[in-house]
């Protein structure tokens, strides 16, 4: 019977260098947006892939992130709404089936990291900064590998990506808010050297 390691606290780039594959079974790509200006609607994407590399030096030089999300896998717990989100009013998945994020720089920011990158959605690319909190690293997981975890967040204005559909609500406001909050809970598996 193997002994499991205790997770280490918030990792820094210097201690966890290597390339990590995102584990889709233990990762969530989610979002929230205002609905009718009175509540928040939450959703997630079920199909995605990606890798991140943590550089060997403490200033995060050599670190990078690359993620691809299948937009048809959207799930807001409502089939008709999901079909509308896949349509030309929103994601236009027939023409633009994926959303991608590619980092351009990674830097420490206090206890967190800032990941600067380019988000491509609906055929439009815009700079987006992710705020990343390192949660811990497990050198020997129950799966026989090394794992690391992060939480990340960002906010975008969907109109910047040409997603402008809306409808006015009687008394003021709109059906769907313009600002979208992106939340990521990521578990990565270290590739063997």
N, C-alpha and C. Protein backbone atom coordinates (compact mmCIF):
# COMPACT_ATOMS: atom_id res chain seq x y z
N UNK A 1 0.84 -1.18 0.00
CA UNK A 1 0.00 0.00 0.00
C UNK A 1 0.89 1.24 0.00
N UNK A 2 0.62 2.17 -0.97
CA UNK A 2 1.48 3.34 -1.08
C UNK A 2 1.04 4.42 -0.10
N UNK A 3 1.99 5.24 0.26
CA UNK A 3 1.70 6.37 1.13
C UNK A 3 1.56 7.61 0.27
N UNK A 4 0.46 8.34 0.44
CA UNK A 4 0.23 9.54 -0.35
C UNK A 4 0.94 10.73 0.28
N UNK A 5 1.43 11.60 -0.58
CA UNK A 5 2.09 12.80 -0.11
C UNK A 5 1.06 13.84 0.30
N UNK A 6 1.44 14.69 1.22
CA UNK A 6 0.60 15.81 1.60
C UNK A 6 0.80 16.93 0.59
N UNK A 7 -0.29 17.56 0.11
CA UNK A 7 -0.12 18.65 -0.86
C UNK A 7 0.74 19.77 -0.28
N UNK A 8 1.56 20.34 -1.14
CA UNK A 8 2.37 21.47 -0.73
C UNK A 8 1.54 22.74 -0.87
N UNK A 9 1.88 23.78 -0.13
CA UNK A 9 1.14 25.05 -0.26
C UNK A 9 1.45 25.73 -1.59
N UNK A 10 0.80 26.85 -1.81
CA UNK A 10 0.88 27.63 -3.03
C UNK A 10 2.22 27.53 -3.73
N UNK A 11 2.24 26.89 -4.92
CA UNK A 11 3.51 26.72 -5.62
C UNK A 11 3.98 28.00 -6.29
N UNK A 12 5.28 28.06 -6.52
CA UNK A 12 5.88 29.13 -7.30
C UNK A 12 6.54 28.50 -8.50
N UNK A 13 6.79 29.26 -9.56
CA UNK A 13 7.35 28.67 -10.77
C UNK A 13 8.65 27.92 -10.53
N UNK A 14 9.49 28.42 -9.62
CA UNK A 14 10.80 27.81 -9.44
C UNK A 14 10.71 26.37 -8.96
N UNK A 15 9.70 26.03 -8.17
CA UNK A 15 9.65 24.71 -7.59
C UNK A 15 8.92 23.66 -8.41
N UNK A 16 8.21 24.06 -9.46
CA UNK A 16 7.33 23.11 -10.15
C UNK A 16 7.47 23.21 -11.66
N UNK A 17 8.71 23.33 -12.10
CA UNK A 17 8.98 23.46 -13.52
C UNK A 17 8.57 22.20 -14.27
N UNK A 18 8.10 22.39 -15.47
CA UNK A 18 7.73 21.28 -16.33
C UNK A 18 6.49 21.62 -17.14
N UNK A 19 6.09 20.66 -17.96
CA UNK A 19 4.88 20.82 -18.77
C UNK A 19 3.78 19.95 -18.17
N UNK A 20 2.61 20.55 -18.02
CA UNK A 20 1.48 19.93 -17.36
C UNK A 20 0.29 19.86 -18.33
N UNK A 21 -0.37 18.71 -18.38
CA UNK A 21 -1.59 18.56 -19.18
C UNK A 21 -2.80 18.79 -18.28
N UNK A 22 -3.76 19.56 -18.77
CA UNK A 22 -4.98 19.78 -18.02
C UNK A 22 -5.79 18.49 -17.98
N UNK A 23 -6.21 18.10 -16.78
CA UNK A 23 -7.04 16.90 -16.60
C UNK A 23 -8.51 17.32 -16.71
N UNK A 24 -9.19 16.98 -17.83
CA UNK A 24 -10.57 17.45 -18.01
C UNK A 24 -11.55 16.87 -17.00
N UNK A 25 -11.23 15.72 -16.42
CA UNK A 25 -12.13 15.11 -15.44
C UNK A 25 -12.11 15.85 -14.11
N UNK A 26 -11.07 16.65 -13.87
CA UNK A 26 -10.93 17.36 -12.60
C UNK A 26 -10.70 18.85 -12.82
N UNK A 27 -11.22 19.36 -13.92
CA UNK A 27 -11.10 20.77 -14.26
C UNK A 27 -12.46 21.29 -14.68
N UNK A 28 -12.75 22.53 -14.35
CA UNK A 28 -14.00 23.15 -14.77
C UNK A 28 -13.73 24.48 -15.44
N UNK A 29 -14.33 24.67 -16.61
CA UNK A 29 -14.28 25.93 -17.34
C UNK A 29 -15.68 26.52 -17.26
N UNK A 30 -15.83 27.55 -16.44
CA UNK A 30 -17.16 28.10 -16.19
C UNK A 30 -17.25 29.59 -16.47
N UNK A 31 -18.48 30.09 -16.45
CA UNK A 31 -18.72 31.51 -16.66
C UNK A 31 -20.01 31.90 -15.96
N UNK A 32 -20.18 33.20 -15.78
CA UNK A 32 -21.45 33.72 -15.28
C UNK A 32 -21.71 35.07 -15.94
N UNK A 33 -23.00 35.39 -16.09
CA UNK A 33 -23.41 36.63 -16.73
C UNK A 33 -24.73 37.06 -16.11
N UNK A 34 -24.98 38.34 -16.04
CA UNK A 34 -26.24 38.83 -15.50
C UNK A 34 -27.40 38.45 -16.41
N UNK A 35 -28.52 38.07 -15.80
CA UNK A 35 -29.73 37.72 -16.54
C UNK A 35 -30.87 38.61 -16.06
N UNK A 36 -31.50 39.32 -17.01
CA UNK A 36 -32.59 40.24 -16.70
C UNK A 36 -32.19 41.30 -15.70
N UNK A 37 -30.89 41.43 -15.47
CA UNK A 37 -30.31 42.41 -14.56
C UNK A 37 -30.71 42.17 -13.10
N UNK A 38 -31.26 40.99 -12.79
CA UNK A 38 -31.66 40.70 -11.41
C UNK A 38 -30.96 39.47 -10.84
N UNK A 39 -30.31 38.68 -11.69
CA UNK A 39 -29.66 37.47 -11.18
C UNK A 39 -28.44 37.17 -12.04
N UNK A 40 -27.71 36.12 -11.66
CA UNK A 40 -26.56 35.66 -12.43
C UNK A 40 -26.87 34.27 -12.98
N UNK A 41 -26.62 34.11 -14.25
CA UNK A 41 -26.75 32.81 -14.90
C UNK A 41 -25.36 32.20 -15.00
N UNK A 42 -25.24 30.94 -14.60
CA UNK A 42 -23.95 30.25 -14.66
C UNK A 42 -23.99 29.15 -15.70
N UNK A 43 -22.85 28.91 -16.30
CA UNK A 43 -22.72 27.84 -17.28
C UNK A 43 -21.30 27.30 -17.28
N UNK A 44 -21.10 26.26 -18.08
CA UNK A 44 -19.78 25.64 -18.15
C UNK A 44 -19.61 25.02 -19.53
N UNK A 45 -18.39 24.68 -19.84
CA UNK A 45 -18.07 23.95 -21.06
C UNK A 45 -17.55 22.57 -20.67
N UNK A 46 -18.08 21.54 -21.31
CA UNK A 46 -17.73 20.18 -20.92
C UNK A 46 -16.55 19.58 -21.65
N UNK A 47 -16.16 20.17 -22.79
CA UNK A 47 -15.08 19.60 -23.59
C UNK A 47 -14.01 20.66 -23.85
N UNK A 48 -12.79 20.36 -23.46
CA UNK A 48 -11.67 21.30 -23.62
C UNK A 48 -10.38 20.53 -23.47
N UNK A 49 -9.29 21.14 -23.87
CA UNK A 49 -7.97 20.54 -23.70
C UNK A 49 -6.96 21.66 -23.55
N UNK A 50 -5.83 21.34 -22.97
CA UNK A 50 -4.81 22.36 -22.83
C UNK A 50 -3.61 21.90 -22.06
N UNK A 51 -2.58 22.71 -22.14
CA UNK A 51 -1.34 22.46 -21.42
C UNK A 51 -0.84 23.78 -20.83
N UNK A 52 -0.02 23.66 -19.81
CA UNK A 52 0.69 24.84 -19.32
C UNK A 52 2.09 24.40 -18.94
N UNK A 53 3.01 25.30 -19.17
CA UNK A 53 4.42 25.05 -18.85
C UNK A 53 4.83 26.03 -17.77
N UNK A 54 5.48 25.52 -16.76
CA UNK A 54 6.01 26.36 -15.69
C UNK A 54 7.52 26.41 -15.86
N UNK A 55 8.03 27.62 -16.06
CA UNK A 55 9.46 27.80 -16.27
C UNK A 55 10.27 27.53 -15.02
N UNK A 56 11.56 27.34 -15.20
CA UNK A 56 12.44 26.96 -14.09
C UNK A 56 12.82 28.14 -13.21
N UNK A 57 12.67 29.36 -13.71
CA UNK A 57 13.13 30.50 -12.92
C UNK A 57 11.97 31.16 -12.19
N UNK A 58 12.27 31.76 -11.08
CA UNK A 58 11.24 32.28 -10.18
C UNK A 58 10.45 33.46 -10.75
N UNK A 59 10.95 34.12 -11.80
CA UNK A 59 10.20 35.26 -12.35
C UNK A 59 9.21 34.82 -13.42
N UNK A 60 9.00 33.52 -13.56
CA UNK A 60 8.00 32.93 -14.45
C UNK A 60 8.39 33.02 -15.92
N UNK A 61 9.63 33.43 -16.20
CA UNK A 61 10.10 33.43 -17.59
C UNK A 61 10.08 32.00 -18.10
N UNK A 62 9.58 31.79 -19.28
CA UNK A 62 9.50 30.44 -19.83
C UNK A 62 8.20 29.74 -19.51
N UNK A 63 7.31 30.38 -18.77
CA UNK A 63 6.00 29.79 -18.47
C UNK A 63 5.01 30.16 -19.56
N UNK A 64 4.04 29.28 -19.82
CA UNK A 64 3.06 29.55 -20.87
C UNK A 64 1.80 28.72 -20.64
N UNK A 65 0.73 29.13 -21.32
CA UNK A 65 -0.57 28.46 -21.23
C UNK A 65 -1.16 28.39 -22.63
N UNK A 66 -1.78 27.26 -22.97
CA UNK A 66 -2.50 27.12 -24.23
C UNK A 66 -3.72 26.23 -23.99
N UNK A 67 -4.92 26.76 -24.29
CA UNK A 67 -6.17 26.05 -24.02
C UNK A 67 -7.10 26.19 -25.22
N UNK A 68 -7.80 25.11 -25.54
CA UNK A 68 -8.84 25.11 -26.58
C UNK A 68 -10.12 24.58 -25.97
N UNK A 69 -11.23 25.30 -26.19
CA UNK A 69 -12.54 24.94 -25.65
C UNK A 69 -13.50 24.67 -26.79
N UNK A 70 -14.22 23.55 -26.73
CA UNK A 70 -15.25 23.22 -27.70
C UNK A 70 -16.53 23.95 -27.31
N UNK A 71 -16.90 24.97 -28.10
CA UNK A 71 -18.05 25.81 -27.74
C UNK A 71 -19.37 25.05 -27.81
N UNK A 72 -19.45 24.02 -28.63
CA UNK A 72 -20.69 23.23 -28.70
C UNK A 72 -20.97 22.50 -27.41
N UNK A 73 -19.97 22.39 -26.53
CA UNK A 73 -20.13 21.65 -25.27
C UNK A 73 -20.71 22.52 -24.16
N UNK A 74 -21.21 23.71 -24.50
CA UNK A 74 -21.78 24.61 -23.50
C UNK A 74 -22.95 23.95 -22.78
N UNK A 75 -23.03 24.19 -21.47
CA UNK A 75 -24.09 23.61 -20.65
C UNK A 75 -24.52 24.64 -19.61
N UNK A 76 -25.74 25.16 -19.77
CA UNK A 76 -26.32 26.07 -18.78
C UNK A 76 -27.51 25.43 -18.09
N UNK A 77 -27.62 24.11 -18.24
CA UNK A 77 -28.70 23.35 -17.61
C UNK A 77 -30.07 23.68 -18.22
N UNK A 78 -30.07 24.09 -19.49
CA UNK A 78 -31.32 24.40 -20.19
C UNK A 78 -31.07 24.20 -21.68
N UNK A 79 -31.64 23.14 -22.26
CA UNK A 79 -31.32 22.74 -23.64
C UNK A 79 -31.64 23.83 -24.66
N UNK A 80 -32.79 24.49 -24.55
CA UNK A 80 -33.15 25.53 -25.51
C UNK A 80 -32.19 26.72 -25.44
N UNK A 81 -31.83 27.10 -24.24
CA UNK A 81 -30.88 28.22 -24.08
C UNK A 81 -29.52 27.83 -24.65
N UNK A 82 -29.08 26.60 -24.40
CA UNK A 82 -27.80 26.16 -24.93
C UNK A 82 -27.80 26.18 -26.46
N UNK A 83 -28.92 25.77 -27.07
CA UNK A 83 -29.03 25.81 -28.53
C UNK A 83 -28.94 27.25 -29.03
N UNK A 84 -29.58 28.18 -28.32
CA UNK A 84 -29.51 29.59 -28.71
C UNK A 84 -28.09 30.11 -28.59
N UNK A 85 -27.38 29.73 -27.53
CA UNK A 85 -26.00 30.18 -27.35
C UNK A 85 -25.07 29.63 -28.43
N UNK A 86 -25.39 28.46 -28.99
CA UNK A 86 -24.58 27.90 -30.08
C UNK A 86 -24.85 28.59 -31.42
N UNK A 87 -25.94 29.33 -31.51
CA UNK A 87 -26.39 29.92 -32.77
C UNK A 87 -25.57 31.16 -33.14
N UNK A 88 -25.90 31.74 -34.30
CA UNK A 88 -25.21 32.93 -34.78
C UNK A 88 -25.45 34.15 -33.88
N UNK A 89 -26.48 34.12 -33.03
CA UNK A 89 -26.71 35.22 -32.10
C UNK A 89 -25.58 35.34 -31.07
N UNK A 90 -24.92 34.22 -30.78
CA UNK A 90 -23.87 34.22 -29.76
C UNK A 90 -22.57 33.63 -30.29
N UNK A 91 -22.37 32.32 -30.17
CA UNK A 91 -21.07 31.72 -30.48
C UNK A 91 -20.85 31.34 -31.93
N UNK A 92 -21.90 31.21 -32.73
CA UNK A 92 -21.75 30.83 -34.14
C UNK A 92 -20.87 29.59 -34.28
N UNK A 93 -21.23 28.52 -33.57
CA UNK A 93 -20.34 27.36 -33.52
C UNK A 93 -20.15 26.70 -34.88
N UNK A 94 -21.07 26.89 -35.82
CA UNK A 94 -20.86 26.32 -37.16
C UNK A 94 -19.66 26.96 -37.84
N UNK A 95 -19.47 28.26 -37.63
CA UNK A 95 -18.33 28.96 -38.23
C UNK A 95 -17.11 29.00 -37.32
N UNK A 96 -17.33 29.04 -36.02
CA UNK A 96 -16.23 29.18 -35.06
C UNK A 96 -16.43 28.17 -33.92
N UNK A 97 -16.08 26.92 -34.16
CA UNK A 97 -16.40 25.87 -33.19
C UNK A 97 -15.61 25.90 -31.89
N UNK A 98 -14.49 26.62 -31.86
CA UNK A 98 -13.67 26.60 -30.65
C UNK A 98 -13.36 28.02 -30.17
N UNK A 99 -13.04 28.09 -28.90
CA UNK A 99 -12.49 29.28 -28.27
C UNK A 99 -11.08 28.90 -27.82
N UNK A 100 -10.11 29.77 -28.04
CA UNK A 100 -8.74 29.45 -27.64
C UNK A 100 -8.16 30.57 -26.79
N UNK A 101 -7.23 30.17 -25.94
CA UNK A 101 -6.48 31.14 -25.14
C UNK A 101 -5.01 30.76 -25.23
N UNK A 102 -4.17 31.73 -25.59
CA UNK A 102 -2.73 31.54 -25.67
C UNK A 102 -2.05 32.65 -24.88
N UNK A 103 -1.22 32.27 -23.93
CA UNK A 103 -0.55 33.28 -23.11
C UNK A 103 0.53 33.98 -23.91
N UNK A 104 0.79 35.22 -23.52
CA UNK A 104 1.90 35.98 -24.08
C UNK A 104 2.93 36.34 -23.02
N UNK A 105 2.54 36.30 -21.75
CA UNK A 105 3.46 36.59 -20.65
C UNK A 105 2.86 36.06 -19.35
N UNK A 106 3.72 35.64 -18.44
CA UNK A 106 3.30 35.19 -17.11
C UNK A 106 4.20 35.89 -16.10
N UNK A 107 3.57 36.47 -15.07
CA UNK A 107 4.38 37.17 -14.07
C UNK A 107 3.78 36.99 -12.68
N UNK A 108 4.62 36.90 -11.66
CA UNK A 108 4.11 36.87 -10.29
C UNK A 108 3.43 38.20 -9.96
N UNK A 109 2.37 38.13 -9.19
CA UNK A 109 1.68 39.34 -8.74
C UNK A 109 1.23 39.10 -7.31
N UNK A 110 2.08 39.48 -6.35
CA UNK A 110 1.82 39.16 -4.96
C UNK A 110 1.90 37.66 -4.77
N UNK A 111 0.88 37.10 -4.12
CA UNK A 111 0.82 35.65 -3.93
C UNK A 111 0.24 34.95 -5.15
N UNK A 112 -0.27 35.71 -6.11
CA UNK A 112 -0.90 35.14 -7.30
C UNK A 112 0.01 35.31 -8.52
N UNK A 113 -0.49 34.89 -9.66
CA UNK A 113 0.18 35.11 -10.93
C UNK A 113 -0.76 35.89 -11.82
N UNK A 114 -0.22 36.68 -12.70
CA UNK A 114 -0.99 37.31 -13.77
C UNK A 114 -0.55 36.66 -15.08
N UNK A 115 -1.50 36.12 -15.81
CA UNK A 115 -1.22 35.52 -17.11
C UNK A 115 -1.83 36.42 -18.17
N UNK A 116 -0.98 37.06 -18.95
CA UNK A 116 -1.44 37.87 -20.06
C UNK A 116 -1.55 36.97 -21.29
N UNK A 117 -2.60 37.15 -22.05
CA UNK A 117 -2.76 36.30 -23.21
C UNK A 117 -3.78 36.83 -24.19
N UNK A 118 -4.02 36.04 -25.22
CA UNK A 118 -4.96 36.40 -26.28
C UNK A 118 -6.08 35.38 -26.31
N UNK A 119 -7.30 35.87 -26.12
CA UNK A 119 -8.50 35.04 -26.21
C UNK A 119 -9.10 35.22 -27.59
N UNK A 120 -9.34 34.10 -28.28
CA UNK A 120 -9.98 34.13 -29.59
C UNK A 120 -11.35 33.48 -29.46
N UNK A 121 -12.38 34.26 -29.77
CA UNK A 121 -13.77 33.83 -29.63
C UNK A 121 -14.57 34.45 -30.76
N UNK A 122 -15.38 33.65 -31.42
CA UNK A 122 -16.24 34.16 -32.49
C UNK A 122 -15.42 34.80 -33.60
N UNK A 123 -14.21 34.29 -33.83
CA UNK A 123 -13.35 34.80 -34.88
C UNK A 123 -12.64 36.09 -34.54
N UNK A 124 -12.73 36.54 -33.29
CA UNK A 124 -12.12 37.80 -32.85
C UNK A 124 -11.11 37.50 -31.74
N UNK A 125 -9.94 38.11 -31.82
CA UNK A 125 -8.90 37.93 -30.80
C UNK A 125 -8.71 39.23 -30.03
N UNK A 126 -8.67 39.11 -28.70
CA UNK A 126 -8.49 40.27 -27.83
C UNK A 126 -7.58 39.87 -26.67
N UNK A 127 -6.82 40.83 -26.13
CA UNK A 127 -6.00 40.53 -24.95
C UNK A 127 -6.87 40.35 -23.71
N UNK A 128 -6.56 39.33 -22.93
CA UNK A 128 -7.27 39.05 -21.68
C UNK A 128 -6.23 38.64 -20.64
N UNK A 129 -6.34 39.21 -19.43
CA UNK A 129 -5.43 38.86 -18.34
C UNK A 129 -6.17 37.97 -17.35
N UNK A 130 -5.60 36.82 -17.06
CA UNK A 130 -6.12 35.91 -16.05
C UNK A 130 -5.40 36.16 -14.73
N UNK A 131 -6.15 36.23 -13.64
CA UNK A 131 -5.57 36.24 -12.31
C UNK A 131 -5.58 34.80 -11.81
N UNK A 132 -4.43 34.28 -11.48
CA UNK A 132 -4.28 32.86 -11.16
C UNK A 132 -3.81 32.69 -9.73
N UNK A 133 -4.56 31.88 -8.98
CA UNK A 133 -4.18 31.52 -7.61
C UNK A 133 -3.71 30.08 -7.60
N UNK A 134 -2.47 29.86 -7.16
CA UNK A 134 -1.94 28.51 -7.05
C UNK A 134 -2.48 27.87 -5.78
N UNK A 135 -3.06 26.68 -5.90
CA UNK A 135 -3.70 26.02 -4.76
C UNK A 135 -2.82 24.98 -4.08
N UNK A 136 -1.95 24.33 -4.83
CA UNK A 136 -1.09 23.33 -4.24
C UNK A 136 -0.61 22.31 -5.24
N UNK A 137 0.32 21.47 -4.80
CA UNK A 137 0.89 20.43 -5.66
C UNK A 137 1.01 19.14 -4.87
N UNK A 138 0.69 18.02 -5.51
CA UNK A 138 0.77 16.70 -4.88
C UNK A 138 1.78 15.86 -5.65
N UNK A 139 2.96 15.61 -5.08
CA UNK A 139 4.01 14.89 -5.81
C UNK A 139 3.63 13.46 -6.18
N UNK A 140 2.79 12.81 -5.35
CA UNK A 140 2.38 11.43 -5.62
C UNK A 140 0.87 11.33 -5.39
N UNK A 141 0.09 11.43 -6.47
CA UNK A 141 -1.36 11.36 -6.34
C UNK A 141 -1.83 9.91 -6.29
N UNK A 142 -3.10 9.65 -5.96
CA UNK A 142 -3.62 8.28 -5.99
C UNK A 142 -3.59 7.66 -7.38
N UNK A 143 -3.40 8.51 -8.41
CA UNK A 143 -3.34 8.01 -9.80
C UNK A 143 -1.92 7.67 -10.22
N UNK A 144 -0.96 7.84 -9.30
CA UNK A 144 0.42 7.49 -9.60
C UNK A 144 1.16 8.56 -10.38
N UNK A 145 0.67 9.80 -10.33
CA UNK A 145 1.32 10.89 -11.06
C UNK A 145 1.47 12.10 -10.15
N UNK A 146 2.03 13.17 -10.70
CA UNK A 146 2.20 14.41 -9.96
C UNK A 146 1.16 15.40 -10.45
N UNK A 147 0.46 16.06 -9.51
CA UNK A 147 -0.64 16.95 -9.87
C UNK A 147 -0.46 18.32 -9.22
N UNK A 148 -1.04 19.32 -9.88
CA UNK A 148 -0.99 20.69 -9.41
C UNK A 148 -2.35 21.33 -9.66
N UNK A 149 -2.74 22.28 -8.82
CA UNK A 149 -4.05 22.90 -8.97
C UNK A 149 -4.01 24.41 -8.92
N UNK A 150 -4.90 25.02 -9.71
CA UNK A 150 -5.01 26.48 -9.77
C UNK A 150 -6.47 26.88 -9.86
N UNK A 151 -6.77 28.08 -9.37
CA UNK A 151 -8.01 28.76 -9.68
C UNK A 151 -7.63 29.99 -10.50
N UNK A 152 -8.44 30.31 -11.49
CA UNK A 152 -8.15 31.47 -12.33
C UNK A 152 -9.44 32.20 -12.65
N UNK A 153 -9.33 33.49 -12.89
CA UNK A 153 -10.52 34.27 -13.21
C UNK A 153 -10.15 35.42 -14.13
N UNK A 154 -11.16 35.88 -14.87
CA UNK A 154 -11.03 37.04 -15.74
C UNK A 154 -12.42 37.57 -16.01
N UNK A 155 -12.50 38.77 -16.55
CA UNK A 155 -13.77 39.33 -16.96
C UNK A 155 -13.60 39.89 -18.36
N UNK A 156 -14.60 39.65 -19.22
CA UNK A 156 -14.57 40.17 -20.57
C UNK A 156 -15.90 40.86 -20.87
N UNK A 157 -15.89 41.74 -21.84
CA UNK A 157 -17.12 42.31 -22.39
C UNK A 157 -17.40 41.55 -23.68
N UNK A 158 -18.49 40.82 -23.72
CA UNK A 158 -18.77 39.96 -24.87
C UNK A 158 -18.89 40.74 -26.17
N UNK A 159 -19.24 42.02 -26.09
CA UNK A 159 -19.35 42.84 -27.29
C UNK A 159 -18.00 43.03 -27.96
N UNK A 160 -16.90 42.94 -27.18
CA UNK A 160 -15.56 43.03 -27.77
C UNK A 160 -15.29 41.89 -28.74
N UNK A 161 -16.06 40.81 -28.63
CA UNK A 161 -15.89 39.65 -29.50
C UNK A 161 -17.03 39.53 -30.51
N UNK A 162 -17.74 40.62 -30.71
CA UNK A 162 -18.82 40.63 -31.70
C UNK A 162 -20.06 39.89 -31.28
N UNK A 163 -20.20 39.62 -29.98
CA UNK A 163 -21.39 38.92 -29.48
C UNK A 163 -22.30 39.96 -28.86
N UNK A 164 -23.26 40.44 -29.65
CA UNK A 164 -24.03 41.62 -29.26
C UNK A 164 -25.52 41.38 -29.07
N UNK A 165 -25.99 40.16 -29.31
CA UNK A 165 -27.44 39.91 -29.20
C UNK A 165 -27.95 40.34 -27.83
N UNK A 166 -29.13 40.96 -27.85
CA UNK A 166 -29.78 41.31 -26.60
C UNK A 166 -31.22 41.69 -26.88
N UNK A 167 -31.98 41.86 -25.84
CA UNK A 167 -33.35 42.34 -25.95
C UNK A 167 -33.64 43.21 -24.73
N UNK A 168 -34.38 44.28 -24.96
CA UNK A 168 -34.72 45.18 -23.87
C UNK A 168 -35.76 44.55 -22.96
N UNK A 169 -35.69 44.92 -21.69
CA UNK A 169 -36.65 44.46 -20.70
C UNK A 169 -37.54 45.63 -20.32
N UNK A 170 -38.83 45.38 -20.24
CA UNK A 170 -39.76 46.43 -19.85
C UNK A 170 -39.37 46.99 -18.49
N UNK A 171 -39.32 48.30 -18.40
CA UNK A 171 -38.91 48.93 -17.16
C UNK A 171 -37.43 49.25 -17.11
N UNK A 172 -36.70 48.88 -18.18
CA UNK A 172 -35.27 49.19 -18.25
C UNK A 172 -34.41 47.94 -18.11
N UNK A 173 -33.26 48.01 -18.69
CA UNK A 173 -32.33 46.88 -18.64
C UNK A 173 -32.43 46.00 -19.87
N UNK A 174 -31.66 44.94 -19.86
CA UNK A 174 -31.59 44.01 -20.98
C UNK A 174 -31.64 42.58 -20.46
N UNK A 175 -31.86 41.65 -21.39
CA UNK A 175 -31.97 40.24 -21.01
C UNK A 175 -30.64 39.68 -20.54
N UNK A 176 -29.56 40.00 -21.28
CA UNK A 176 -28.25 39.43 -20.99
C UNK A 176 -27.24 40.55 -20.74
N UNK A 177 -26.51 40.46 -19.65
CA UNK A 177 -25.49 41.46 -19.36
C UNK A 177 -24.34 41.42 -20.36
N UNK A 178 -23.60 42.50 -20.42
CA UNK A 178 -22.47 42.57 -21.35
C UNK A 178 -21.20 41.96 -20.77
N UNK A 179 -21.01 42.10 -19.47
CA UNK A 179 -19.79 41.58 -18.85
C UNK A 179 -19.97 40.11 -18.48
N UNK A 180 -18.98 39.32 -18.85
CA UNK A 180 -18.98 37.89 -18.56
C UNK A 180 -17.81 37.58 -17.64
N UNK A 181 -18.09 36.95 -16.51
CA UNK A 181 -17.04 36.52 -15.59
C UNK A 181 -16.63 35.10 -15.94
N UNK A 182 -15.35 34.90 -16.13
CA UNK A 182 -14.80 33.58 -16.46
C UNK A 182 -14.13 33.02 -15.22
N UNK A 183 -14.43 31.77 -14.89
CA UNK A 183 -13.80 31.12 -13.73
C UNK A 183 -13.28 29.76 -14.15
N UNK A 184 -12.08 29.47 -13.73
CA UNK A 184 -11.43 28.21 -14.07
C UNK A 184 -10.93 27.53 -12.79
N UNK A 185 -11.24 26.27 -12.68
CA UNK A 185 -10.65 25.43 -11.63
C UNK A 185 -9.86 24.35 -12.34
N UNK A 186 -8.55 24.43 -12.27
CA UNK A 186 -7.68 23.62 -13.13
C UNK A 186 -6.86 22.64 -12.30
N UNK A 187 -6.86 21.39 -12.74
CA UNK A 187 -5.95 20.39 -12.18
C UNK A 187 -5.07 19.89 -13.32
N UNK A 188 -3.78 19.98 -13.12
CA UNK A 188 -2.82 19.57 -14.15
C UNK A 188 -2.02 18.36 -13.75
N UNK A 189 -1.63 17.57 -14.75
CA UNK A 189 -0.83 16.36 -14.55
C UNK A 189 0.54 16.58 -15.20
N UNK A 190 1.60 16.39 -14.42
CA UNK A 190 2.93 16.61 -14.92
C UNK A 190 3.30 15.55 -15.95
N UNK A 191 3.78 16.00 -17.10
CA UNK A 191 4.29 15.06 -18.10
C UNK A 191 5.62 14.48 -17.63
N UNK A 192 5.83 13.20 -17.87
CA UNK A 192 7.14 12.62 -17.51
C UNK A 192 8.26 13.34 -18.22
N UNK A 193 9.39 13.48 -17.54
CA UNK A 193 10.54 14.17 -18.14
C UNK A 193 11.05 13.37 -19.33
